[in-house]
Amino acid sequence: MAGDQDRWRALGVDVELPSAARVYDAYLGGAHNFAADRAFFARAKEKLPHIADVARWNRTFLRRAVQTMAEAGIDQFLDIGSGLPTAGNTHEIAHRINPDARVVYADNEPVAVVQTQELLKDVPGTAVVRGDFLAPDEILGAAATRELLDLDKPVGVLAVALLHFIPREQHPEAALERYKEALPAGSELAISHATVDGVAEPVRSQTLDFIDSYKDTQNPGFTARDELEFRRFFTGWELLDPGVAFTSEWRSDLTDVDEFAATNPKNAVCFAAVARKP
């Protein structure tokens, strides 16, 4: 996308300051990022050498979570903070199990929204809306959301590698409650979140240094949370087996197990869980 920077600038996109969505795309080997994002990735690897694996484990958790939800009969999904399109998107996993599944993606990153629109233009039953997680009514009330999702029936909601970009003072749990309240019984919620809880040195210190580097990006509020804080996101809902686990371990039977992940699960430095509304 380097040659497109002037076009994106004209659309009001800050291409000089790294954004979490575009950097995450770089971690995953994608092409929807700018020079500033790739430079940040290079610096991030110096701080946390296996950051690409961390991103990959998060993506693997997303695929496992969608598969779990779809196999349980959920046929509509809301992927919040979906980021830039890459292999194993939510609709691709859901459609393998149910071709009629409907998926709405939501993100506040303009490049992510435009690129996702391009990806979805010939994919029925899918849409993307531009909206901020902290403005639930903006996403839940969007025309595409109301058109594709029936909020009187169970919905699978995904907030993968999202909430750690929202600092405590912005109270992400309050916004999350609005989404939870809007959904009927049988809905399911998947979250992954950065942590250093139980992580041994030197990875613990490396992760904290890595997180601190985000203060120089468009997403300066990166916050690691412990297991108790993570569990609070699911208050009132029932955790599915295996409960809270690291992304590298959550239902690892659903996909091939990476040897490094299997032997060093805490190096994933992200908790993961899926819960159902009773």
Protein backbone atom coordinates (compact mmCIF):
# COMPACT_ATOMS: atom_id res chain seq x y z
CA MET A 1 0.00 0.00 0.00
CA ALA A 2 3.04 2.24 -0.01
CA GLY A 3 2.13 3.77 -3.37
CA ASP A 4 -1.35 4.58 -2.10
CA GLN A 5 -0.25 6.78 0.79
CA ASP A 6 -1.13 10.04 -0.97
CA ARG A 7 -4.62 8.71 -1.75
CA TRP A 8 -5.16 7.73 1.89
CA ARG A 9 -3.84 11.09 3.08
CA ALA A 10 -6.41 12.78 0.85
CA LEU A 11 -9.07 10.77 2.64
CA GLY A 12 -7.88 12.08 5.98
CA VAL A 13 -5.97 8.95 7.06
CA ASP A 14 -2.88 9.50 9.23
CA VAL A 15 -0.32 7.33 7.45
CA GLU A 16 2.62 8.58 9.51
CA LEU A 17 1.44 7.44 12.94
CA PRO A 18 1.12 3.65 13.31
CA SER A 19 -2.35 2.25 14.00
CA ALA A 20 -3.09 -0.95 15.91
CA ALA A 21 -5.14 -2.44 13.06
CA ARG A 22 -2.47 -1.86 10.43
CA VAL A 23 0.37 -2.97 12.70
CA TYR A 24 -1.55 -6.17 13.51
CA ASP A 25 -1.87 -6.74 9.77
CA ALA A 26 1.91 -6.38 9.50
CA TYR A 27 2.41 -8.90 12.34
CA LEU A 28 0.34 -11.38 10.32
CA GLY A 29 2.30 -10.77 7.11
CA GLY A 30 -0.45 -8.76 5.42
CA ALA A 31 -0.09 -6.02 2.82
CA HIS A 32 -2.59 -3.47 4.17
CA ASN A 33 -0.12 -1.32 6.08
CA PHE A 34 2.16 1.67 5.60
CA ALA A 35 5.87 2.31 6.11
CA ALA A 36 5.25 3.68 9.61
CA ASP A 37 3.42 0.50 10.59
CA ARG A 38 6.19 -1.73 9.24
CA ALA A 39 8.81 0.33 11.05
CA PHE A 40 6.85 -0.10 14.27
CA PHE A 41 6.69 -3.85 13.64
CA ALA A 42 10.48 -3.95 13.28
CA ARG A 43 10.89 -2.15 16.60
CA ALA A 44 8.26 -4.38 18.22
CA LYS A 45 10.20 -7.50 17.23
CA GLU A 46 13.23 -6.11 19.04
CA LYS A 47 11.18 -5.82 22.22
CA LEU A 48 9.09 -9.00 21.90
CA PRO A 49 10.82 -11.27 19.37
CA HIS A 50 7.89 -13.68 18.98
CA ILE A 51 5.21 -10.99 18.48
CA ALA A 52 4.23 -12.52 15.12
CA ASP A 53 3.43 -15.77 16.95
CA VAL A 54 1.37 -13.85 19.51
CA ALA A 55 -0.69 -12.34 16.69
CA ARG A 56 -1.03 -15.68 14.98
CA TRP A 57 -2.30 -17.34 18.17
CA ASN A 58 -4.89 -14.60 18.52
CA ARG A 59 -6.02 -15.25 14.96
CA THR A 60 -6.15 -18.97 15.64
CA PHE A 61 -8.33 -18.34 18.68
CA LEU A 62 -10.73 -16.31 16.54
CA ARG A 63 -11.09 -19.20 14.10
CA ARG A 64 -11.63 -21.71 16.90
CA ALA A 65 -14.19 -19.46 18.58
CA VAL A 66 -16.19 -18.94 15.38
CA GLN A 67 -16.13 -22.67 14.67
CA THR A 68 -17.35 -23.38 18.22
CA MET A 69 -20.19 -20.89 17.90
CA ALA A 70 -21.26 -22.01 14.44
CA GLU A 71 -21.25 -25.68 15.41
CA ALA A 72 -23.49 -24.75 18.34
CA GLY A 73 -26.04 -23.36 15.87
CA ILE A 74 -25.24 -19.64 15.94
CA ASP A 75 -25.70 -18.28 12.45
CA GLN A 76 -25.09 -14.55 12.90
CA PHE A 77 -21.93 -12.83 14.07
CA LEU A 78 -20.76 -9.37 15.09
CA ASP A 79 -16.97 -9.01 14.88
CA ILE A 80 -16.01 -5.79 16.67
CA GLY A 81 -12.55 -4.36 16.13
CA SER A 82 -12.22 -6.75 13.23
CA GLY A 83 -9.18 -5.03 11.77
CA LEU A 84 -7.89 -5.62 8.27
CA PRO A 85 -8.97 -8.65 6.24
CA THR A 86 -6.59 -11.59 6.29
CA ALA A 87 -6.71 -15.37 6.00
CA GLY A 88 -9.39 -17.06 8.09
CA ASN A 89 -11.86 -14.20 8.37
CA THR A 90 -14.97 -14.71 10.48
CA HIS A 91 -17.32 -15.14 7.53
CA GLU A 92 -15.01 -17.68 5.90
CA ILE A 93 -15.01 -19.89 9.00
CA ALA A 94 -18.74 -19.46 9.59
CA HIS A 95 -19.64 -20.17 5.97
CA ARG A 96 -17.74 -23.45 5.99
CA ILE A 97 -20.21 -24.67 8.59
CA ASN A 98 -23.30 -22.72 7.52
CA PRO A 99 -23.24 -21.01 4.10
CA ASP A 100 -26.21 -18.89 5.17
CA ALA A 101 -24.47 -17.41 8.21
CA ARG A 102 -24.52 -13.61 8.39
CA VAL A 103 -21.56 -11.54 9.55
CA VAL A 104 -21.19 -7.86 10.37
CA TYR A 105 -17.68 -6.50 10.87
CA ALA A 106 -17.10 -3.25 12.77
CA ASP A 107 -13.97 -1.15 13.12
CA ASN A 108 -13.04 2.50 13.62
CA GLU A 109 -9.91 2.31 11.44
CA PRO A 110 -10.79 3.80 8.00
CA VAL A 111 -8.30 1.69 6.07
CA ALA A 112 -9.69 -1.47 7.66
CA VAL A 113 -13.24 -0.50 6.74
CA VAL A 114 -12.42 0.31 3.11
CA GLN A 115 -10.35 -2.84 2.60
CA THR A 116 -13.05 -4.99 4.22
CA GLN A 117 -15.67 -3.41 1.95
CA GLU A 118 -13.58 -4.48 -1.02
CA LEU A 119 -13.26 -8.01 0.32
CA LEU A 120 -16.98 -8.36 0.96
CA LYS A 121 -18.44 -6.76 -2.17
CA ASP A 122 -19.30 -10.15 -3.70
CA VAL A 123 -19.97 -12.03 -0.45
CA PRO A 124 -23.68 -12.23 0.41
CA GLY A 125 -24.76 -11.99 4.00
CA THR A 126 -21.82 -9.83 5.07
CA ALA A 127 -21.21 -6.14 5.74
CA VAL A 128 -18.82 -3.79 7.49
CA VAL A 129 -19.66 -0.71 9.51
CA ARG A 130 -17.37 2.02 10.75
CA GLY A 131 -17.88 2.43 14.45
CA ASP A 132 -16.09 2.61 17.78
CA PHE A 133 -16.48 -0.16 20.35
CA LEU A 134 -17.04 2.50 23.01
CA ALA A 135 -20.14 3.73 21.14
CA PRO A 136 -22.31 0.57 21.19
CA ASP A 137 -25.43 2.27 19.82
CA GLU A 138 -23.40 3.44 16.83
CA ILE A 139 -22.59 -0.16 15.92
CA LEU A 140 -25.77 -1.88 17.05
CA GLY A 141 -27.93 0.76 15.41
CA ALA A 142 -26.06 0.91 12.10
CA ALA A 143 -28.18 0.20 9.04
CA ALA A 144 -26.08 -2.82 8.04
CA THR A 145 -26.33 -4.28 11.53
CA ARG A 146 -30.10 -3.88 11.65
CA GLU A 147 -30.44 -5.31 8.15
CA LEU A 148 -28.32 -8.42 8.63
CA LEU A 149 -28.61 -9.30 12.32
CA ASP A 150 -31.78 -10.23 14.19
CA LEU A 151 -31.01 -9.21 17.76
CA ASP A 152 -33.96 -11.27 18.99
CA LYS A 153 -31.97 -14.40 18.09
CA PRO A 154 -28.56 -15.55 19.39
CA VAL A 155 -25.55 -13.66 18.07
CA GLY A 156 -21.89 -14.56 18.29
CA VAL A 157 -19.92 -11.48 19.31
CA LEU A 158 -16.15 -11.31 18.87
CA ALA A 159 -13.79 -8.85 20.56
CA VAL A 160 -10.46 -10.44 19.71
CA ALA A 161 -7.29 -8.51 20.62
CA LEU A 162 -9.42 -5.40 21.08
CA LEU A 163 -10.14 -4.54 24.70
CA HIS A 164 -6.49 -4.23 25.69
CA PHE A 165 -6.37 -1.07 23.56
CA ILE A 166 -8.90 0.57 25.88
CA PRO A 167 -7.43 1.87 29.17
CA ARG A 168 -9.17 1.37 32.48
CA GLU A 169 -10.26 5.00 32.74
CA GLN A 170 -12.38 4.56 29.60
CA HIS A 171 -14.27 1.68 31.26
CA PRO A 172 -14.52 -0.84 28.40
CA GLU A 173 -16.57 -3.11 30.67
CA ALA A 174 -19.38 -0.53 30.67
CA ALA A 175 -19.57 -0.46 26.87
CA LEU A 176 -19.35 -4.25 26.79
CA GLU A 177 -22.36 -4.48 29.11
CA ARG A 178 -24.40 -2.53 26.54
CA TYR A 179 -23.65 -5.15 23.90
CA LYS A 180 -24.36 -7.97 26.34
CA GLU A 181 -27.68 -6.44 27.36
CA ALA A 182 -28.76 -6.03 23.73
CA LEU A 183 -28.40 -9.75 23.00
CA PRO A 184 -30.80 -12.59 23.81
CA ALA A 185 -30.13 -15.78 25.74
CA GLY A 186 -27.99 -18.25 23.81
CA SER A 187 -25.71 -15.53 22.44
CA GLU A 188 -21.98 -16.11 22.85
CA LEU A 189 -19.08 -13.74 23.46
CA ALA A 190 -15.43 -14.37 22.55
CA ILE A 191 -12.64 -12.19 23.94
CA SER A 192 -8.86 -12.36 23.88
CA HIS A 193 -6.75 -9.90 25.81
CA ALA A 194 -3.08 -9.18 26.53
CA THR A 195 -1.74 -10.20 29.92
CA VAL A 196 1.48 -10.80 31.82
CA ASP A 197 -0.37 -12.68 34.57
CA GLY A 198 1.71 -15.76 35.34
CA VAL A 199 4.14 -15.05 32.49
CA ALA A 200 7.76 -15.79 33.42
CA GLU A 201 10.81 -13.68 32.72
CA PRO A 202 12.19 -12.63 30.33
CA VAL A 203 8.91 -12.72 28.36
CA ARG A 204 7.07 -10.76 31.05
CA SER A 205 9.45 -7.79 30.84
CA GLN A 206 9.62 -8.04 27.05
CA THR A 207 5.83 -7.89 26.85
CA LEU A 208 5.61 -4.86 29.14
CA ASP A 209 8.24 -3.05 27.06
CA PHE A 210 6.34 -3.95 23.92
CA ILE A 211 3.06 -2.65 25.36
CA ASP A 212 4.73 0.58 26.44
CA SER A 213 5.86 1.23 22.86
CA TYR A 214 2.22 1.74 21.82
CA LYS A 215 2.22 5.13 23.54
CA ASP A 216 3.70 6.44 20.27
CA THR A 217 0.85 5.13 18.10
CA GLN A 218 -2.77 6.03 17.42
CA ASN A 219 -3.66 3.58 20.21
CA PRO A 220 -1.68 4.79 23.25
CA GLY A 221 -3.90 3.19 25.89
CA PHE A 222 -2.64 -0.40 25.53
CA THR A 223 -3.29 -2.08 28.91
CA ALA A 224 -2.46 -5.58 30.09
CA ARG A 225 -5.02 -7.05 32.51
CA ASP A 226 -4.83 -9.90 34.99
CA GLU A 227 -7.11 -12.93 35.03
CA LEU A 228 -9.57 -11.43 37.51
CA GLU A 229 -10.02 -8.32 35.37
CA PHE A 230 -10.40 -10.50 32.29
CA ARG A 231 -13.05 -12.67 33.92
CA ARG A 232 -15.08 -9.59 34.83
CA PHE A 233 -15.75 -8.98 31.14
CA PHE A 234 -17.93 -12.11 31.21
CA THR A 235 -19.88 -11.28 34.36
CA GLY A 236 -23.35 -12.84 34.23
CA TRP A 237 -22.47 -15.19 31.37
CA GLU A 238 -21.38 -18.83 31.54
CA LEU A 239 -17.85 -19.64 30.41
CA LEU A 240 -17.58 -22.53 27.96
CA ASP A 241 -14.97 -25.21 28.52
CA PRO A 242 -12.05 -24.86 29.05
CA GLY A 243 -12.82 -21.54 30.74
CA VAL A 244 -10.04 -18.97 30.68
CA ALA A 245 -6.93 -20.18 28.84
CA PHE A 246 -4.11 -18.70 26.85
CA THR A 247 -4.88 -18.20 23.16
CA SER A 248 -2.38 -20.91 22.27
CA GLU A 249 -4.32 -23.45 24.36
CA TRP A 250 -8.01 -22.57 24.02
CA ARG A 251 -9.63 -25.64 22.41
CA SER A 252 -6.38 -26.50 20.69
CA ASP A 253 -7.96 -29.77 19.55
CA LEU A 254 -9.84 -27.82 16.88
CA THR A 255 -6.67 -27.04 14.89
CA ASP A 256 -3.12 -28.28 14.68
CA VAL A 257 -1.12 -27.47 17.78
CA ASP A 258 2.00 -25.38 17.25
CA GLU A 259 4.91 -27.08 19.01
CA PHE A 260 6.19 -23.83 20.52
CA ALA A 261 2.70 -22.91 21.72
CA ALA A 262 2.16 -26.34 23.20
CA THR A 263 5.36 -26.28 25.20
CA ASN A 264 5.26 -22.60 26.18
CA PRO A 265 1.54 -21.69 26.32
CA LYS A 266 2.00 -18.61 28.49
CA ASN A 267 4.27 -17.08 25.86
CA ALA A 268 1.06 -16.32 23.98
CA VAL A 269 0.67 -13.50 26.56
CA CYS A 270 -3.05 -13.28 25.83
CA PHE A 271 -5.99 -14.76 27.71
CA ALA A 272 -8.91 -16.18 25.74
CA ALA A 273 -12.42 -17.32 26.60
CA VAL A 274 -15.90 -17.77 25.18
CA ALA A 275 -19.06 -17.43 27.26
CA ARG A 276 -22.78 -17.98 26.67
CA LYS A 277 -25.66 -15.82 27.89
CA PRO A 278 -27.95 -17.96 30.05
